């Protein structure tokens, strides 16, 4: 999935933040 779209990068960043946040947060 190498789609260079503005939203793609945003989603990637959001996914990373969510994963990191989820790990830190007990959820």
C-alpha atoms as a PDB file:
ATOM      1  CA  UNK A   1       0.000   0.000   0.000  1.00  0.00           C
ATOM      2  CA  UNK A   2       2.269   2.783  -1.242  1.00  0.00           C
ATOM      3  CA  UNK A   3      -0.362   5.462  -1.718  1.00  0.00           C
ATOM      4  CA  UNK A   4       1.235   8.879  -1.350  1.00  0.00           C
ATOM      5  CA  UNK A   5      -1.863  10.834  -0.355  1.00  0.00           C
ATOM      6  CA  UNK A   6      -2.163  13.739   2.074  1.00  0.00           C
ATOM      7  CA  UNK A   7      -4.652  11.767   4.155  1.00  0.00           C
ATOM      8  CA  UNK A   8      -2.422   8.696   4.028  1.00  0.00           C
ATOM      9  CA  UNK A   9       0.365  10.384   5.966  1.00  0.00           C
ATOM     10  CA  UNK A  10      -2.132  11.810   8.440  1.00  0.00           C
ATOM     11  CA  UNK A  11      -3.641   8.375   8.992  1.00  0.00           C
ATOM     12  CA  UNK A  12      -0.183   6.864   9.432  1.00  0.00           C
ATOM     13  CA  UNK A  13       0.688   9.463  12.047  1.00  0.00           C
ATOM     14  CA  UNK A  14      -2.650   8.984  13.787  1.00  0.00           C
ATOM     15  CA  UNK A  15      -2.134   5.209  13.792  1.00  0.00           C
ATOM     16  CA  UNK A  16       1.340   5.594  15.308  1.00  0.00           C
ATOM     17  CA  UNK A  17       0.061   8.001  17.962  1.00  0.00           C
ATOM     18  CA  UNK A  18      -2.859   5.687  18.738  1.00  0.00           C
ATOM     19  CA  UNK A  19      -0.580   2.672  19.103  1.00  0.00           C
ATOM     20  CA  UNK A  20       1.879   4.536  21.340  1.00  0.00           C
ATOM     21  CA  UNK A  21      -0.950   6.115  23.332  1.00  0.00           C
ATOM     22  CA  UNK A  22      -2.713   2.774  23.686  1.00  0.00           C
ATOM     23  CA  UNK A  23       0.446   1.172  25.026  1.00  0.00           C
ATOM     24  CA  UNK A  24       0.859   3.933  27.606  1.00  0.00           C
ATOM     25  CA  UNK A  25      -2.847   4.112  28.411  1.00  0.00           C
ATOM     26  CA  UNK A  26      -4.458   1.225  30.232  1.00  0.00           C
ATOM     27  CA  UNK A  27      -7.430   1.615  27.920  1.00  0.00           C
END
